[in-house]
Amino acid sequence: MLTHYCFKEVLPKGFCDGMMNVARELDSKEAEVYKEGNNVVLSEIRNNRVAWLANPELSEILELYVDIANEKAGWNFNLTSFEVPQISFYGKNQFYDWHVDTGIEKKSDPYFRKLAISITLNSEFKGGDFQIQNFVHPQASNRFKTIKEMRRQGSIVVFPSFIFHRVTKVKEGERCAMTCWFRGKKFS
């Protein structure tokens, strides 16, 4: 099974710049993590700002890339819904440490996060690398991979929500990315 599927620089500069400009006008807040049934600020794990961008046309574009990756990667997960896309802003020294995107669901939720999509909206930053865990033994030396394509504006990565991933500290500039989660019935 593949850990991820990439589309290198597929979204045009104008689209990405437009999404960033719209997101900058939205109310953003300090990013939270899900811990023991609550959303809390834990800056030692996640240190950045987020905003949400509800737009049906945008969601259709994201769904197109998720459907292609789902098929080409051979995951073939049954997807039934998606969440509102989140825009993340990472300034100098900001990051999001190792985490998975599952486990936030309530017992009453009929659908669970299965695939995540992340889009790099700009390239004017250093550091801030997107890294993903490989399927290897925990003591292996090559436990994760830096997805270098995600340093470029308009690049997309799709990956199963249960795979550990992170964004390393930004060294210069500001990293801006859009993320969305696609859901389906619980794996059986």
N, C-alpha and C. Protein backbone atom coordinates (compact mmCIF):
# COMPACT_ATOMS: atom_id res chain seq x y z
N MET A 1 0.84 -1.18 0.00
CA MET A 1 0.00 0.00 0.00
C MET A 1 0.89 1.25 0.00
N LEU A 2 0.55 2.21 -0.81
CA LEU A 2 1.28 3.48 -0.84
C LEU A 2 0.94 4.32 0.39
N THR A 3 1.92 5.06 0.88
CA THR A 3 1.67 5.95 2.01
C THR A 3 1.08 7.28 1.56
N HIS A 4 1.26 7.61 0.27
CA HIS A 4 0.77 8.90 -0.22
C HIS A 4 0.76 8.90 -1.75
N TYR A 5 0.06 9.88 -2.30
CA TYR A 5 0.03 10.07 -3.75
C TYR A 5 0.17 11.58 -4.00
N CYS A 6 1.13 11.96 -4.86
CA CYS A 6 1.41 13.38 -5.11
C CYS A 6 1.01 13.84 -6.51
N PHE A 7 0.62 15.09 -6.58
CA PHE A 7 0.40 15.80 -7.84
C PHE A 7 1.33 17.02 -7.76
N LYS A 8 2.35 17.07 -8.59
CA LYS A 8 3.36 18.13 -8.50
C LYS A 8 2.93 19.38 -9.27
N GLU A 9 2.80 20.48 -8.55
CA GLU A 9 2.52 21.81 -9.11
C GLU A 9 1.37 21.80 -10.13
N VAL A 10 0.24 21.20 -9.75
CA VAL A 10 -0.89 21.07 -10.68
C VAL A 10 -1.88 22.23 -10.61
N LEU A 11 -1.93 22.93 -9.48
CA LEU A 11 -2.86 24.04 -9.37
C LEU A 11 -2.16 25.34 -9.75
N PRO A 12 -2.80 26.17 -10.56
CA PRO A 12 -2.15 27.39 -11.05
C PRO A 12 -1.88 28.41 -9.95
N LYS A 13 -0.85 29.22 -10.16
CA LYS A 13 -0.45 30.26 -9.22
C LYS A 13 -1.63 31.17 -8.86
N GLY A 14 -2.43 31.58 -9.84
CA GLY A 14 -3.55 32.47 -9.59
C GLY A 14 -4.56 31.86 -8.63
N PHE A 15 -4.83 30.57 -8.79
CA PHE A 15 -5.75 29.87 -7.89
C PHE A 15 -5.19 29.87 -6.47
N CYS A 16 -3.92 29.48 -6.33
CA CYS A 16 -3.30 29.38 -5.01
C CYS A 16 -3.21 30.75 -4.34
N ASP A 17 -2.79 31.76 -5.10
CA ASP A 17 -2.71 33.12 -4.54
C ASP A 17 -4.09 33.59 -4.11
N GLY A 18 -5.11 33.30 -4.91
CA GLY A 18 -6.47 33.69 -4.58
C GLY A 18 -6.96 33.03 -3.31
N MET A 19 -6.68 31.75 -3.14
CA MET A 19 -7.08 31.04 -1.92
C MET A 19 -6.39 31.65 -0.70
N MET A 20 -5.10 31.99 -0.84
CA MET A 20 -4.39 32.61 0.28
C MET A 20 -4.98 33.97 0.62
N ASN A 21 -5.28 34.76 -0.40
CA ASN A 21 -5.85 36.09 -0.16
C ASN A 21 -7.20 36.01 0.53
N VAL A 22 -8.04 35.09 0.08
CA VAL A 22 -9.35 34.89 0.72
C VAL A 22 -9.15 34.44 2.17
N ALA A 23 -8.24 33.50 2.38
CA ALA A 23 -8.01 32.95 3.73
C ALA A 23 -7.50 34.02 4.69
N ARG A 24 -6.69 34.93 4.20
CA ARG A 24 -6.16 36.01 5.06
C ARG A 24 -7.27 36.93 5.56
N GLU A 25 -8.39 36.99 4.83
CA GLU A 25 -9.52 37.82 5.23
C GLU A 25 -10.44 37.11 6.24
N LEU A 26 -10.27 35.80 6.39
CA LEU A 26 -11.09 35.03 7.31
C LEU A 26 -10.60 35.19 8.74
N ASP A 27 -11.47 34.93 9.69
CA ASP A 27 -11.06 34.91 11.09
C ASP A 27 -10.21 33.67 11.31
N SER A 28 -8.97 33.87 11.72
CA SER A 28 -8.11 32.72 12.04
C SER A 28 -7.94 32.65 13.55
N LYS A 29 -7.54 31.47 13.98
CA LYS A 29 -7.30 31.29 15.41
C LYS A 29 -6.12 30.35 15.60
N GLU A 30 -5.61 30.35 16.82
CA GLU A 30 -4.52 29.46 17.14
C GLU A 30 -4.98 28.02 16.96
N ALA A 31 -4.17 27.23 16.27
CA ALA A 31 -4.54 25.85 15.97
C ALA A 31 -4.61 25.01 17.24
N GLU A 32 -5.56 24.09 17.24
CA GLU A 32 -5.75 23.19 18.37
C GLU A 32 -5.47 21.75 17.94
N VAL A 33 -5.29 20.89 18.91
CA VAL A 33 -5.17 19.45 18.69
C VAL A 33 -6.28 18.77 19.49
N TYR A 34 -6.63 17.57 19.07
CA TYR A 34 -7.67 16.81 19.75
C TYR A 34 -7.00 15.92 20.79
N LYS A 35 -7.41 16.08 22.04
CA LYS A 35 -6.82 15.28 23.12
C LYS A 35 -7.90 14.93 24.14
N GLU A 36 -8.08 13.65 24.35
CA GLU A 36 -9.00 13.14 25.37
C GLU A 36 -10.39 13.75 25.26
N GLY A 37 -10.89 13.81 24.03
CA GLY A 37 -12.26 14.26 23.79
C GLY A 37 -12.45 15.76 23.66
N ASN A 38 -11.37 16.52 23.69
CA ASN A 38 -11.47 17.98 23.60
C ASN A 38 -10.46 18.55 22.62
N ASN A 39 -10.80 19.69 22.05
CA ASN A 39 -9.84 20.46 21.25
C ASN A 39 -9.13 21.42 22.18
N VAL A 40 -7.80 21.32 22.22
CA VAL A 40 -7.01 22.15 23.12
C VAL A 40 -5.79 22.71 22.39
N VAL A 41 -5.30 23.84 22.86
CA VAL A 41 -4.07 24.41 22.33
C VAL A 41 -2.91 23.74 23.05
N LEU A 42 -2.05 23.08 22.30
CA LEU A 42 -0.83 22.46 22.83
C LEU A 42 0.32 22.89 21.92
N SER A 43 0.89 24.04 22.20
CA SER A 43 1.88 24.63 21.30
C SER A 43 3.16 23.80 21.19
N GLU A 44 3.37 22.85 22.09
CA GLU A 44 4.54 21.98 21.96
C GLU A 44 4.32 20.90 20.90
N ILE A 45 3.05 20.71 20.48
CA ILE A 45 2.72 19.75 19.42
C ILE A 45 2.37 20.46 18.12
N ARG A 46 1.56 21.52 18.25
CA ARG A 46 1.11 22.26 17.06
C ARG A 46 1.16 23.75 17.35
N ASN A 47 1.89 24.45 16.49
CA ASN A 47 2.08 25.88 16.71
C ASN A 47 1.87 26.60 15.37
N ASN A 48 0.63 26.97 15.08
CA ASN A 48 0.31 27.71 13.87
C ASN A 48 -1.11 28.27 13.98
N ARG A 49 -1.54 28.99 12.96
CA ARG A 49 -2.89 29.56 12.94
C ARG A 49 -3.70 28.88 11.84
N VAL A 50 -5.02 28.81 12.04
CA VAL A 50 -5.90 28.16 11.06
C VAL A 50 -7.17 28.98 10.84
N ALA A 51 -7.74 28.78 9.66
CA ALA A 51 -9.05 29.35 9.30
C ALA A 51 -9.75 28.29 8.45
N TRP A 52 -11.06 28.40 8.32
CA TRP A 52 -11.83 27.44 7.53
C TRP A 52 -12.49 28.15 6.36
N LEU A 53 -12.49 27.48 5.20
CA LEU A 53 -12.99 28.07 3.97
C LEU A 53 -14.06 27.18 3.36
N ALA A 54 -15.30 27.45 3.69
CA ALA A 54 -16.43 26.67 3.16
C ALA A 54 -16.81 27.22 1.79
N ASN A 55 -16.63 26.40 0.76
CA ASN A 55 -16.94 26.81 -0.60
C ASN A 55 -17.22 25.54 -1.42
N PRO A 56 -18.44 25.36 -1.94
CA PRO A 56 -18.78 24.13 -2.65
C PRO A 56 -17.90 23.87 -3.89
N GLU A 57 -17.56 24.92 -4.64
CA GLU A 57 -16.73 24.73 -5.84
C GLU A 57 -15.33 24.26 -5.45
N LEU A 58 -14.79 24.82 -4.38
CA LEU A 58 -13.48 24.41 -3.89
C LEU A 58 -13.51 22.95 -3.47
N SER A 59 -14.53 22.56 -2.75
CA SER A 59 -14.65 21.17 -2.29
C SER A 59 -14.74 20.21 -3.47
N GLU A 60 -15.39 20.62 -4.57
CA GLU A 60 -15.47 19.76 -5.76
C GLU A 60 -14.08 19.56 -6.37
N ILE A 61 -13.25 20.60 -6.38
CA ILE A 61 -11.89 20.48 -6.92
C ILE A 61 -11.08 19.51 -6.06
N LEU A 62 -11.18 19.67 -4.74
CA LEU A 62 -10.45 18.77 -3.84
C LEU A 62 -10.92 17.33 -4.02
N GLU A 63 -12.22 17.14 -4.16
CA GLU A 63 -12.78 15.80 -4.33
C GLU A 63 -12.25 15.14 -5.61
N LEU A 64 -12.09 15.91 -6.66
CA LEU A 64 -11.55 15.38 -7.91
C LEU A 64 -10.16 14.77 -7.69
N TYR A 65 -9.28 15.51 -7.02
CA TYR A 65 -7.92 15.01 -6.78
C TYR A 65 -7.91 13.83 -5.81
N VAL A 66 -8.76 13.86 -4.80
CA VAL A 66 -8.83 12.75 -3.86
C VAL A 66 -9.32 11.49 -4.57
N ASP A 67 -10.32 11.62 -5.44
CA ASP A 67 -10.83 10.45 -6.17
C ASP A 67 -9.76 9.85 -7.07
N ILE A 68 -9.00 10.69 -7.76
CA ILE A 68 -7.92 10.19 -8.63
C ILE A 68 -6.87 9.46 -7.80
N ALA A 69 -6.42 10.09 -6.71
CA ALA A 69 -5.39 9.47 -5.86
C ALA A 69 -5.90 8.18 -5.23
N ASN A 70 -7.13 8.16 -4.78
CA ASN A 70 -7.74 6.99 -4.16
C ASN A 70 -7.69 5.79 -5.11
N GLU A 71 -7.95 6.06 -6.38
CA GLU A 71 -7.91 4.98 -7.38
C GLU A 71 -6.48 4.62 -7.76
N LYS A 72 -5.68 5.63 -8.11
CA LYS A 72 -4.31 5.35 -8.61
C LYS A 72 -3.41 4.74 -7.55
N ALA A 73 -3.61 5.11 -6.28
CA ALA A 73 -2.80 4.55 -5.19
C ALA A 73 -3.28 3.15 -4.81
N GLY A 74 -4.46 2.76 -5.29
CA GLY A 74 -4.99 1.44 -4.99
C GLY A 74 -5.65 1.33 -3.63
N TRP A 75 -5.93 2.47 -2.98
CA TRP A 75 -6.62 2.40 -1.68
C TRP A 75 -8.07 1.99 -1.89
N ASN A 76 -8.72 2.63 -2.85
CA ASN A 76 -10.12 2.34 -3.16
C ASN A 76 -11.03 2.40 -1.93
N PHE A 77 -10.79 3.41 -1.08
CA PHE A 77 -11.63 3.61 0.10
C PHE A 77 -12.99 4.13 -0.34
N ASN A 78 -14.03 3.65 0.32
CA ASN A 78 -15.38 4.14 0.08
C ASN A 78 -15.54 5.46 0.81
N LEU A 79 -15.69 6.55 0.06
CA LEU A 79 -15.79 7.89 0.64
C LEU A 79 -17.20 8.42 0.43
N THR A 80 -17.77 9.02 1.47
CA THR A 80 -19.15 9.47 1.38
C THR A 80 -19.33 10.96 1.68
N SER A 81 -18.35 11.59 2.34
CA SER A 81 -18.50 13.00 2.71
C SER A 81 -17.13 13.63 2.93
N PHE A 82 -17.14 14.94 3.13
CA PHE A 82 -15.88 15.65 3.39
C PHE A 82 -16.14 16.78 4.37
N GLU A 83 -15.07 17.25 4.97
CA GLU A 83 -15.16 18.33 5.94
C GLU A 83 -14.89 19.67 5.25
N VAL A 84 -15.11 20.75 5.97
CA VAL A 84 -14.80 22.08 5.46
C VAL A 84 -13.28 22.21 5.39
N PRO A 85 -12.72 22.65 4.25
CA PRO A 85 -11.27 22.79 4.13
C PRO A 85 -10.70 23.77 5.17
N GLN A 86 -9.54 23.43 5.66
CA GLN A 86 -8.83 24.25 6.65
C GLN A 86 -7.59 24.86 5.99
N ILE A 87 -7.38 26.14 6.24
CA ILE A 87 -6.18 26.82 5.77
C ILE A 87 -5.26 26.99 6.96
N SER A 88 -4.01 26.58 6.82
CA SER A 88 -3.03 26.69 7.90
C SER A 88 -1.93 27.67 7.50
N PHE A 89 -1.62 28.55 8.44
CA PHE A 89 -0.53 29.52 8.27
C PHE A 89 0.57 29.18 9.28
N TYR A 90 1.78 28.95 8.77
CA TYR A 90 2.93 28.64 9.61
C TYR A 90 3.96 29.75 9.44
N GLY A 91 4.20 30.55 10.48
CA GLY A 91 5.24 31.56 10.47
C GLY A 91 6.56 30.96 10.91
N LYS A 92 7.56 31.81 11.02
CA LYS A 92 8.90 31.36 11.43
C LYS A 92 8.82 30.61 12.76
N ASN A 93 9.48 29.45 12.80
CA ASN A 93 9.57 28.56 13.97
C ASN A 93 8.25 27.86 14.30
N GLN A 94 7.24 27.95 13.44
CA GLN A 94 5.99 27.24 13.69
C GLN A 94 6.00 25.88 12.98
N PHE A 95 5.21 24.94 13.50
CA PHE A 95 5.27 23.54 13.05
C PHE A 95 4.01 22.81 13.50
N TYR A 96 3.92 21.54 13.05
CA TYR A 96 2.91 20.61 13.56
C TYR A 96 3.61 19.27 13.67
N ASP A 97 3.87 18.80 14.88
CA ASP A 97 4.65 17.58 15.11
C ASP A 97 3.88 16.34 14.66
N TRP A 98 4.50 15.17 14.80
CA TRP A 98 3.92 13.90 14.35
C TRP A 98 2.52 13.71 14.90
N HIS A 99 1.60 13.34 14.00
CA HIS A 99 0.21 13.11 14.38
C HIS A 99 -0.49 12.32 13.29
N VAL A 100 -1.66 11.81 13.63
CA VAL A 100 -2.57 11.22 12.65
C VAL A 100 -3.83 12.06 12.65
N ASP A 101 -4.61 11.97 11.59
CA ASP A 101 -5.81 12.79 11.46
C ASP A 101 -7.09 12.04 11.84
N THR A 102 -6.95 10.84 12.37
CA THR A 102 -8.12 10.07 12.79
C THR A 102 -8.24 10.14 14.31
N GLY A 103 -9.35 9.66 14.82
CA GLY A 103 -9.55 9.60 16.26
C GLY A 103 -10.29 10.79 16.82
N ILE A 104 -10.65 11.75 15.97
CA ILE A 104 -11.39 12.92 16.45
C ILE A 104 -12.90 12.68 16.40
N GLU A 105 -13.28 11.58 15.76
CA GLU A 105 -14.70 11.30 15.56
C GLU A 105 -15.38 10.92 16.87
N LYS A 106 -16.63 11.32 16.98
CA LYS A 106 -17.44 10.93 18.13
C LYS A 106 -18.04 9.55 17.85
N LYS A 107 -18.41 8.85 18.89
CA LYS A 107 -19.01 7.52 18.72
C LYS A 107 -20.27 7.58 17.87
N SER A 108 -20.96 8.72 17.93
CA SER A 108 -22.21 8.88 17.17
C SER A 108 -21.99 9.23 15.70
N ASP A 109 -20.75 9.57 15.33
CA ASP A 109 -20.47 9.91 13.93
C ASP A 109 -20.61 8.67 13.05
N PRO A 110 -21.40 8.76 11.97
CA PRO A 110 -21.53 7.60 11.09
C PRO A 110 -20.34 7.45 10.14
N TYR A 111 -19.57 8.53 9.96
CA TYR A 111 -18.46 8.51 9.00
C TYR A 111 -17.15 8.93 9.69
N PHE A 112 -16.07 8.31 9.25
CA PHE A 112 -14.76 8.51 9.84
C PHE A 112 -13.78 9.00 8.79
N ARG A 113 -12.80 9.78 9.24
CA ARG A 113 -11.78 10.27 8.33
C ARG A 113 -11.00 9.10 7.73
N LYS A 114 -10.94 9.08 6.39
CA LYS A 114 -10.22 8.02 5.70
C LYS A 114 -9.04 8.56 4.88
N LEU A 115 -9.27 9.66 4.16
CA LEU A 115 -8.20 10.27 3.36
C LEU A 115 -8.09 11.75 3.68
N ALA A 116 -6.85 12.23 3.63
CA ALA A 116 -6.58 13.66 3.80
C ALA A 116 -5.92 14.18 2.53
N ILE A 117 -6.20 15.44 2.22
CA ILE A 117 -5.55 16.10 1.09
C ILE A 117 -4.92 17.38 1.63
N SER A 118 -3.70 17.65 1.20
CA SER A 118 -3.02 18.87 1.59
C SER A 118 -2.47 19.53 0.33
N ILE A 119 -2.66 20.84 0.24
CA ILE A 119 -2.22 21.62 -0.92
C ILE A 119 -1.29 22.73 -0.44
N THR A 120 -0.13 22.85 -1.05
CA THR A 120 0.79 23.94 -0.74
C THR A 120 0.35 25.15 -1.55
N LEU A 121 0.00 26.24 -0.85
CA LEU A 121 -0.53 27.42 -1.53
C LEU A 121 0.54 28.46 -1.86
N ASN A 122 1.76 28.29 -1.36
CA ASN A 122 2.84 29.22 -1.70
C ASN A 122 4.18 28.50 -1.64
N SER A 123 5.22 29.17 -2.13
CA SER A 123 6.57 28.59 -2.11
C SER A 123 7.56 29.49 -1.40
N GLU A 124 7.11 30.62 -0.86
CA GLU A 124 8.01 31.61 -0.28
C GLU A 124 8.32 31.30 1.18
N PHE A 125 8.91 30.14 1.42
CA PHE A 125 9.29 29.75 2.77
C PHE A 125 10.42 28.74 2.69
N LYS A 126 11.17 28.62 3.78
CA LYS A 126 12.21 27.59 3.92
C LYS A 126 11.88 26.81 5.17
N GLY A 127 12.24 25.52 5.16
CA GLY A 127 11.80 24.63 6.24
C GLY A 127 10.35 24.29 5.97
N GLY A 128 9.60 24.00 7.02
CA GLY A 128 8.19 23.70 6.84
C GLY A 128 7.94 22.51 5.94
N ASP A 129 8.82 21.51 6.00
CA ASP A 129 8.68 20.33 5.14
C ASP A 129 7.55 19.44 5.61
N PHE A 130 6.82 18.88 4.64
CA PHE A 130 5.79 17.88 4.91
C PHE A 130 6.48 16.53 4.90
N GLN A 131 6.39 15.80 6.02
CA GLN A 131 7.00 14.49 6.13
C GLN A 131 5.94 13.47 6.49
N ILE A 132 6.13 12.24 5.98
CA ILE A 132 5.15 11.18 6.20
C ILE A 132 5.88 9.90 6.59
N GLN A 133 5.26 9.14 7.47
CA GLN A 133 5.85 7.90 7.95
C GLN A 133 5.80 6.83 6.87
N ASN A 134 6.90 6.08 6.76
CA ASN A 134 6.94 4.92 5.86
C ASN A 134 6.37 3.71 6.59
N PHE A 135 5.96 2.72 5.83
CA PHE A 135 5.54 1.44 6.41
C PHE A 135 6.79 0.61 6.65
N VAL A 136 7.44 0.82 7.79
CA VAL A 136 8.67 0.09 8.11
C VAL A 136 8.66 -0.28 9.59
N HIS A 137 9.61 -1.10 9.97
CA HIS A 137 9.80 -1.47 11.36
C HIS A 137 10.16 -0.21 12.17
N PRO A 138 9.68 -0.07 13.40
CA PRO A 138 9.95 1.13 14.19
C PRO A 138 11.44 1.44 14.41
N GLN A 139 12.30 0.43 14.32
CA GLN A 139 13.72 0.67 14.53
C GLN A 139 14.47 0.89 13.21
N ALA A 140 13.77 0.88 12.10
CA ALA A 140 14.41 1.10 10.80
C ALA A 140 14.93 2.54 10.73
N SER A 141 15.98 2.73 9.95
CA SER A 141 16.58 4.07 9.85
C SER A 141 15.78 4.98 8.91
N ASN A 142 15.04 4.41 7.99
CA ASN A 142 14.28 5.21 7.02
C ASN A 142 12.80 5.23 7.39
N ARG A 143 12.49 5.71 8.60
CA ARG A 143 11.12 5.64 9.12
C ARG A 143 10.17 6.64 8.48
N PHE A 144 10.71 7.71 7.88
CA PHE A 144 9.82 8.70 7.27
C PHE A 144 10.46 9.26 6.01
N LYS A 145 9.62 9.93 5.23
CA LYS A 145 10.06 10.52 3.97
C LYS A 145 9.64 11.99 3.94
N THR A 146 10.57 12.84 3.50
CA THR A 146 10.24 14.23 3.24
C THR A 146 9.67 14.30 1.83
N ILE A 147 8.47 14.83 1.69
CA ILE A 147 7.85 14.92 0.37
C ILE A 147 8.25 16.27 -0.23
N LYS A 148 9.34 16.24 -0.98
CA LYS A 148 9.94 17.47 -1.51
C LYS A 148 9.01 18.22 -2.46
N GLU A 149 8.12 17.50 -3.14
CA GLU A 149 7.16 18.15 -4.04
C GLU A 149 6.31 19.18 -3.31
N MET A 150 6.11 18.97 -2.00
CA MET A 150 5.23 19.86 -1.23
C MET A 150 5.90 21.17 -0.85
N ARG A 151 7.12 21.39 -1.33
CA ARG A 151 7.78 22.69 -1.15
C ARG A 151 7.34 23.68 -2.22
N ARG A 152 6.62 23.20 -3.23
CA ARG A 152 6.26 24.02 -4.39
C ARG A 152 4.78 24.37 -4.40
N GLN A 153 4.50 25.59 -4.76
CA GLN A 153 3.13 26.10 -4.85
C GLN A 153 2.31 25.26 -5.83
N GLY A 154 1.08 24.95 -5.44
CA GLY A 154 0.18 24.21 -6.31
C GLY A 154 0.34 22.71 -6.26
N SER A 155 1.24 22.21 -5.42
CA SER A 155 1.43 20.77 -5.29
C SER A 155 0.44 20.20 -4.27
N ILE A 156 0.06 18.95 -4.49
CA ILE A 156 -0.96 18.28 -3.67
C ILE A 156 -0.43 16.93 -3.22
N VAL A 157 -0.74 16.58 -1.98
CA VAL A 157 -0.50 15.22 -1.50
C VAL A 157 -1.81 14.72 -0.90
N VAL A 158 -2.12 13.45 -1.21
CA VAL A 158 -3.28 12.76 -0.64
C VAL A 158 -2.72 11.54 0.09
N PHE A 159 -3.25 11.28 1.29
CA PHE A 159 -2.72 10.16 2.08
C PHE A 159 -3.80 9.65 3.04
N PRO A 160 -3.70 8.38 3.44
CA PRO A 160 -4.65 7.84 4.41
C PRO A 160 -4.52 8.60 5.74
N SER A 161 -5.64 8.92 6.32
CA SER A 161 -5.68 9.75 7.53
C SER A 161 -5.05 9.07 8.75
N PHE A 162 -4.84 7.76 8.68
CA PHE A 162 -4.28 7.04 9.83
C PHE A 162 -2.76 6.96 9.78
N ILE A 163 -2.12 7.58 8.79
CA ILE A 163 -0.66 7.55 8.68
C ILE A 163 -0.07 8.77 9.40
N PHE A 164 0.97 8.53 10.21
CA PHE A 164 1.64 9.63 10.90
C PHE A 164 2.31 10.56 9.89
N HIS A 165 2.20 11.87 10.17
CA HIS A 165 2.81 12.88 9.32
C HIS A 165 3.07 14.13 10.16
N ARG A 166 3.87 15.05 9.61
CA ARG A 166 4.15 16.29 10.33
C ARG A 166 4.58 17.37 9.35
N VAL A 167 4.60 18.61 9.87
CA VAL A 167 5.18 19.76 9.18
C VAL A 167 6.30 20.25 10.08
N THR A 168 7.54 20.25 9.55
CA THR A 168 8.69 20.68 10.35
C THR A 168 8.67 22.19 10.54
N LYS A 169 9.52 22.68 11.43
CA LYS A 169 9.58 24.12 11.72
C LYS A 169 9.91 24.92 10.46
N VAL A 170 9.18 26.01 10.28
CA VAL A 170 9.49 26.95 9.22
C VAL A 170 10.70 27.76 9.65
N LYS A 171 11.68 27.87 8.75
CA LYS A 171 12.91 28.61 9.07
C LYS A 171 12.85 30.05 8.58
N GLU A 172 12.18 30.25 7.44
CA GLU A 172 12.06 31.59 6.86
C GLU A 172 10.72 31.70 6.15
N GLY A 173 10.14 32.91 6.16
CA GLY A 173 8.91 33.17 5.44
C GLY A 173 7.70 32.59 6.15
N GLU A 174 6.63 32.40 5.38
CA GLU A 174 5.39 31.85 5.91
C GLU A 174 4.90 30.75 4.98
N ARG A 175 4.62 29.59 5.54
CA ARG A 175 4.06 28.47 4.77
C ARG A 175 2.55 28.54 4.90
N CYS A 176 1.87 28.43 3.76
CA CYS A 176 0.41 28.43 3.75
C CYS A 176 -0.06 27.17 3.02
N ALA A 177 -0.94 26.41 3.67
CA ALA A 177 -1.43 25.16 3.08
C ALA A 177 -2.91 24.99 3.37
N MET A 178 -3.57 24.26 2.49
CA MET A 178 -4.98 23.92 2.67
C MET A 178 -5.08 22.42 2.88
N THR A 179 -5.90 22.02 3.86
CA THR A 179 -6.09 20.61 4.16
C THR A 179 -7.59 20.33 4.25
N CYS A 180 -7.96 19.12 3.82
CA CYS A 180 -9.35 18.71 3.92
C CYS A 180 -9.38 17.19 4.15
N TRP A 181 -10.39 16.74 4.87
CA TRP A 181 -10.51 15.32 5.19
C TRP A 181 -11.76 14.75 4.56
N PHE A 182 -11.59 13.57 4.00
CA PHE A 182 -12.70 12.86 3.33
C PHE A 182 -13.06 11.65 4.18
N ARG A 183 -14.35 11.47 4.37
CA ARG A 183 -14.85 10.47 5.31
C ARG A 183 -15.62 9.35 4.61
N GLY A 184 -15.76 8.26 5.32
CA GLY A 184 -16.56 7.14 4.88
C GLY A 184 -16.91 6.29 6.09
N LYS A 185 -17.68 5.23 5.85
CA LYS A 185 -18.03 4.33 6.95
C LYS A 185 -16.77 3.73 7.53
N LYS A 186 -16.84 3.41 8.82
CA LYS A 186 -15.70 2.87 9.54
C LYS A 186 -15.15 1.63 8.84
N PHE A 187 -13.81 1.49 8.84
CA PHE A 187 -13.19 0.28 8.28
C PHE A 187 -13.68 -0.92 9.06
N SER A 188 -13.96 -2.04 8.34
CA SER A 188 -14.41 -3.23 9.05
C SER A 188 -13.43 -4.37 8.89
